[in-house]
């Protein structure tokens, strides 16, 4: 099959700065675990992160850029941590390499607003383990 570029003058080129979106985000079902604010935060972080996945944007700037409240930002960050997509230790975010497989079923999103409470409990337990790991120094950046 011959592929034809529709607008050759606007052909995308790899930019000189570092940034990418791993196709496994969609193929592995990770994006399905994100609600719109979490997806927006993830897109922002992968856009501004350095080659190690680090970003130093503070909450005020993130809220301003993403048009989120502080509570929405916290919820989005918790969702991404629960999805095993980022690590966070104020003021540093780290976009993580995608795991080989989705560790648990998708949780409630806009497309599946009636997920069982068991899924929520799994997310809470996962978040608690992550917080304990970060608090003990083992997961520190």
C-alpha atoms as a PDB file:
ATOM      1  CA  UNK A   1       0.000   0.000   0.000  1.00  0.00           C
ATOM      2  CA  UNK A   2       1.391   3.380  -1.023  1.00  0.00           C
ATOM      3  CA  UNK A   3       1.039   6.074   1.620  1.00  0.00           C
ATOM      4  CA  UNK A   4       0.480   9.578   0.372  1.00  0.00           C
ATOM      5  CA  UNK A   5       1.276  12.592   2.505  1.00  0.00           C
ATOM      6  CA  UNK A   6      -1.673  14.953   2.439  1.00  0.00           C
ATOM      7  CA  UNK A   7       0.195  18.168   3.182  1.00  0.00           C
ATOM      8  CA  UNK A   8       3.928  17.816   2.419  1.00  0.00           C
ATOM      9  CA  UNK A   9       4.728  21.381   3.515  1.00  0.00           C
ATOM     10  CA  UNK A  10       3.602  20.446   7.041  1.00  0.00           C
ATOM     11  CA  UNK A  11       5.323  17.056   7.305  1.00  0.00           C
ATOM     12  CA  UNK A  12       6.297  16.395  10.930  1.00  0.00           C
ATOM     13  CA  UNK A  13       9.971  16.261  11.757  1.00  0.00           C
ATOM     14  CA  UNK A  14      11.689  15.059  14.909  1.00  0.00           C
ATOM     15  CA  UNK A  15      12.332  18.207  16.975  1.00  0.00           C
ATOM     16  CA  UNK A  16      15.768  19.035  18.341  1.00  0.00           C
ATOM     17  CA  UNK A  17      14.488  18.959  21.916  1.00  0.00           C
ATOM     18  CA  UNK A  18      13.692  15.633  23.536  1.00  0.00           C
ATOM     19  CA  UNK A  19      10.072  14.433  23.623  1.00  0.00           C
ATOM     20  CA  UNK A  20       8.081  11.399  22.551  1.00  0.00           C
ATOM     21  CA  UNK A  21       4.868   9.494  23.100  1.00  0.00           C
ATOM     22  CA  UNK A  22       5.255   5.739  23.360  1.00  0.00           C
ATOM     23  CA  UNK A  23       2.667   3.939  21.195  1.00  0.00           C
ATOM     24  CA  UNK A  24       2.375   1.350  23.964  1.00  0.00           C
ATOM     25  CA  UNK A  25       0.416   4.024  25.851  1.00  0.00           C
ATOM     26  CA  UNK A  26      -2.525   3.175  23.580  1.00  0.00           C
ATOM     27  CA  UNK A  27      -1.691  -0.392  22.563  1.00  0.00           C
ATOM     28  CA  UNK A  28      -1.101  -1.492  26.143  1.00  0.00           C
ATOM     29  CA  UNK A  29      -4.333   0.076  27.372  1.00  0.00           C
ATOM     30  CA  UNK A  30      -2.671   2.614  29.665  1.00  0.00           C
ATOM     31  CA  UNK A  31      -4.524   5.595  28.197  1.00  0.00           C
ATOM     32  CA  UNK A  32      -7.821   3.845  28.967  1.00  0.00           C
ATOM     33  CA  UNK A  33      -6.968   4.201  32.658  1.00  0.00           C
ATOM     34  CA  UNK A  34      -6.777   7.994  32.446  1.00  0.00           C
ATOM     35  CA  UNK A  35      -9.641  10.437  32.743  1.00  0.00           C
ATOM     36  CA  UNK A  36      -9.289  13.682  30.716  1.00  0.00           C
ATOM     37  CA  UNK A  37      -7.429  15.672  33.422  1.00  0.00           C
ATOM     38  CA  UNK A  38      -4.962  12.794  33.977  1.00  0.00           C
ATOM     39  CA  UNK A  39      -4.435  12.425  30.223  1.00  0.00           C
ATOM     40  CA  UNK A  40      -3.848  16.186  29.928  1.00  0.00           C
ATOM     41  CA  UNK A  41      -1.316  16.121  32.773  1.00  0.00           C
ATOM     42  CA  UNK A  42       0.465  13.121  31.241  1.00  0.00           C
ATOM     43  CA  UNK A  43       0.639  14.812  27.821  1.00  0.00           C
ATOM     44  CA  UNK A  44       2.015  17.966  29.409  1.00  0.00           C
ATOM     45  CA  UNK A  45       4.616  16.042  31.406  1.00  0.00           C
ATOM     46  CA  UNK A  46       5.861  13.969  28.460  1.00  0.00           C
ATOM     47  CA  UNK A  47       6.091  17.160  26.419  1.00  0.00           C
ATOM     48  CA  UNK A  48       8.187  19.126  28.918  1.00  0.00           C
ATOM     49  CA  UNK A  49      10.180  16.301  30.566  1.00  0.00           C
ATOM     50  CA  UNK A  50      13.876  15.883  29.920  1.00  0.00           C
ATOM     51  CA  UNK A  51      15.489  12.663  28.630  1.00  0.00           C
ATOM     52  CA  UNK A  52      15.228  11.079  32.102  1.00  0.00           C
ATOM     53  CA  UNK A  53      11.511  11.926  32.229  1.00  0.00           C
ATOM     54  CA  UNK A  54      11.960  14.660  34.842  1.00  0.00           C
ATOM     55  CA  UNK A  55       9.855  17.798  35.055  1.00  0.00           C
ATOM     56  CA  UNK A  56       9.962  20.537  37.657  1.00  0.00           C
ATOM     57  CA  UNK A  57       6.727  22.416  36.929  1.00  0.00           C
ATOM     58  CA  UNK A  58       5.004  23.497  40.126  1.00  0.00           C
ATOM     59  CA  UNK A  59       1.314  23.143  40.935  1.00  0.00           C
ATOM     60  CA  UNK A  60       0.405  26.758  40.141  1.00  0.00           C
ATOM     61  CA  UNK A  61       1.965  26.565  36.677  1.00  0.00           C
ATOM     62  CA  UNK A  62       0.407  23.168  35.965  1.00  0.00           C
ATOM     63  CA  UNK A  63      -3.025  24.366  37.055  1.00  0.00           C
ATOM     64  CA  UNK A  64      -2.652  27.464  34.881  1.00  0.00           C
ATOM     65  CA  UNK A  65      -1.460  25.586  31.776  1.00  0.00           C
ATOM     66  CA  UNK A  66      -4.003  22.770  32.115  1.00  0.00           C
ATOM     67  CA  UNK A  67      -6.867  24.910  33.437  1.00  0.00           C
ATOM     68  CA  UNK A  68      -7.312  22.657  36.454  1.00  0.00           C
ATOM     69  CA  UNK A  69      -8.065  23.388  40.082  1.00  0.00           C
ATOM     70  CA  UNK A  70      -5.562  22.248  42.703  1.00  0.00           C
ATOM     71  CA  UNK A  71      -7.917  19.394  43.635  1.00  0.00           C
ATOM     72  CA  UNK A  72      -8.248  18.292  39.989  1.00  0.00           C
ATOM     73  CA  UNK A  73      -4.452  18.388  39.620  1.00  0.00           C
ATOM     74  CA  UNK A  74      -4.009  16.250  42.750  1.00  0.00           C
ATOM     75  CA  UNK A  75      -6.612  13.754  41.516  1.00  0.00           C
ATOM     76  CA  UNK A  76      -4.979  13.598  38.059  1.00  0.00           C
ATOM     77  CA  UNK A  77      -1.546  13.066  39.617  1.00  0.00           C
ATOM     78  CA  UNK A  78      -2.892  10.301  41.890  1.00  0.00           C
ATOM     79  CA  UNK A  79      -4.536   8.602  38.906  1.00  0.00           C
ATOM     80  CA  UNK A  80      -1.245   8.647  36.951  1.00  0.00           C
ATOM     81  CA  UNK A  81       0.664   7.307  39.955  1.00  0.00           C
ATOM     82  CA  UNK A  82      -1.963   4.590  40.374  1.00  0.00           C
ATOM     83  CA  UNK A  83      -1.673   3.740  36.686  1.00  0.00           C
ATOM     84  CA  UNK A  84       2.107   3.365  37.193  1.00  0.00           C
ATOM     85  CA  UNK A  85       2.811   6.102  34.628  1.00  0.00           C
ATOM     86  CA  UNK A  86       4.563   8.692  36.805  1.00  0.00           C
ATOM     87  CA  UNK A  87       6.391   9.097  40.096  1.00  0.00           C
ATOM     88  CA  UNK A  88       6.123  12.281  42.114  1.00  0.00           C
ATOM     89  CA  UNK A  89       8.097  13.780  44.955  1.00  0.00           C
ATOM     90  CA  UNK A  90       7.468  17.506  45.249  1.00  0.00           C
ATOM     91  CA  UNK A  91       8.555  19.381  43.253  1.00  0.00           C
ATOM     92  CA  UNK A  92       9.741  16.692  40.813  1.00  0.00           C
ATOM     93  CA  UNK A  93       7.647  14.599  38.452  1.00  0.00           C
ATOM     94  CA  UNK A  94       9.186  11.629  36.686  1.00  0.00           C
ATOM     95  CA  UNK A  95       7.483  10.116  33.654  1.00  0.00           C
ATOM     96  CA  UNK A  96       8.154   6.395  33.994  1.00  0.00           C
ATOM     97  CA  UNK A  97       8.924   3.843  31.317  1.00  0.00           C
ATOM     98  CA  UNK A  98       5.720   1.977  30.590  1.00  0.00           C
ATOM     99  CA  UNK A  99       5.443  -1.364  32.390  1.00  0.00           C
ATOM    100  CA  UNK A 100       5.386  -4.509  30.266  1.00  0.00           C
ATOM    101  CA  UNK A 101       1.723  -5.122  31.084  1.00  0.00           C
ATOM    102  CA  UNK A 102      -1.158  -3.283  32.684  1.00  0.00           C
ATOM    103  CA  UNK A 103      -0.935  -4.451  36.320  1.00  0.00           C
ATOM    104  CA  UNK A 104      -4.658  -4.156  37.061  1.00  0.00           C
ATOM    105  CA  UNK A 105      -7.974  -3.642  35.311  1.00  0.00           C
ATOM    106  CA  UNK A 106      -8.920  -0.182  34.122  1.00  0.00           C
ATOM    107  CA  UNK A 107     -10.500   1.963  36.804  1.00  0.00           C
ATOM    108  CA  UNK A 108     -13.439   4.323  36.498  1.00  0.00           C
ATOM    109  CA  UNK A 109     -13.065   6.807  33.652  1.00  0.00           C
ATOM    110  CA  UNK A 110     -15.462   8.874  31.612  1.00  0.00           C
ATOM    111  CA  UNK A 111     -16.159   5.808  29.448  1.00  0.00           C
ATOM    112  CA  UNK A 112     -16.700   3.419  32.382  1.00  0.00           C
ATOM    113  CA  UNK A 113     -18.216   5.426  35.192  1.00  0.00           C
ATOM    114  CA  UNK A 114     -19.631   2.337  36.960  1.00  0.00           C
ATOM    115  CA  UNK A 115     -16.448   0.391  37.754  1.00  0.00           C
ATOM    116  CA  UNK A 116     -16.813  -1.989  40.734  1.00  0.00           C
ATOM    117  CA  UNK A 117     -15.694  -0.739  44.132  1.00  0.00           C
ATOM    118  CA  UNK A 118     -13.100  -3.547  44.148  1.00  0.00           C
ATOM    119  CA  UNK A 119     -11.186  -1.703  41.394  1.00  0.00           C
ATOM    120  CA  UNK A 120     -11.172   1.459  43.495  1.00  0.00           C
ATOM    121  CA  UNK A 121      -9.863  -0.521  46.459  1.00  0.00           C
ATOM    122  CA  UNK A 122      -7.067  -1.945  44.301  1.00  0.00           C
ATOM    123  CA  UNK A 123      -6.110   1.568  43.206  1.00  0.00           C
ATOM    124  CA  UNK A 124      -6.158   2.807  46.811  1.00  0.00           C
ATOM    125  CA  UNK A 125      -3.979  -0.120  47.903  1.00  0.00           C
ATOM    126  CA  UNK A 126      -1.556   0.504  45.023  1.00  0.00           C
ATOM    127  CA  UNK A 127      -1.347   4.216  45.872  1.00  0.00           C
ATOM    128  CA  UNK A 128      -0.721   3.370  49.528  1.00  0.00           C
ATOM    129  CA  UNK A 129       2.132   1.016  48.570  1.00  0.00           C
ATOM    130  CA  UNK A 130       3.645   3.709  46.335  1.00  0.00           C
ATOM    131  CA  UNK A 131       3.398   6.302  49.092  1.00  0.00           C
ATOM    132  CA  UNK A 132       5.042   3.900  51.571  1.00  0.00           C
ATOM    133  CA  UNK A 133       7.822   3.159  49.097  1.00  0.00           C
ATOM    134  CA  UNK A 134       8.432   6.856  48.443  1.00  0.00           C
ATOM    135  CA  UNK A 135       8.260   7.630  52.148  1.00  0.00           C
ATOM    136  CA  UNK A 136      10.804   4.952  53.050  1.00  0.00           C
ATOM    137  CA  UNK A 137      13.396   6.317  50.638  1.00  0.00           C
ATOM    138  CA  UNK A 138      13.412   3.236  48.376  1.00  0.00           C
ATOM    139  CA  UNK A 139      11.466   5.051  45.663  1.00  0.00           C
ATOM    140  CA  UNK A 140      13.089   8.443  46.036  1.00  0.00           C
ATOM    141  CA  UNK A 141      14.214  10.202  42.914  1.00  0.00           C
END
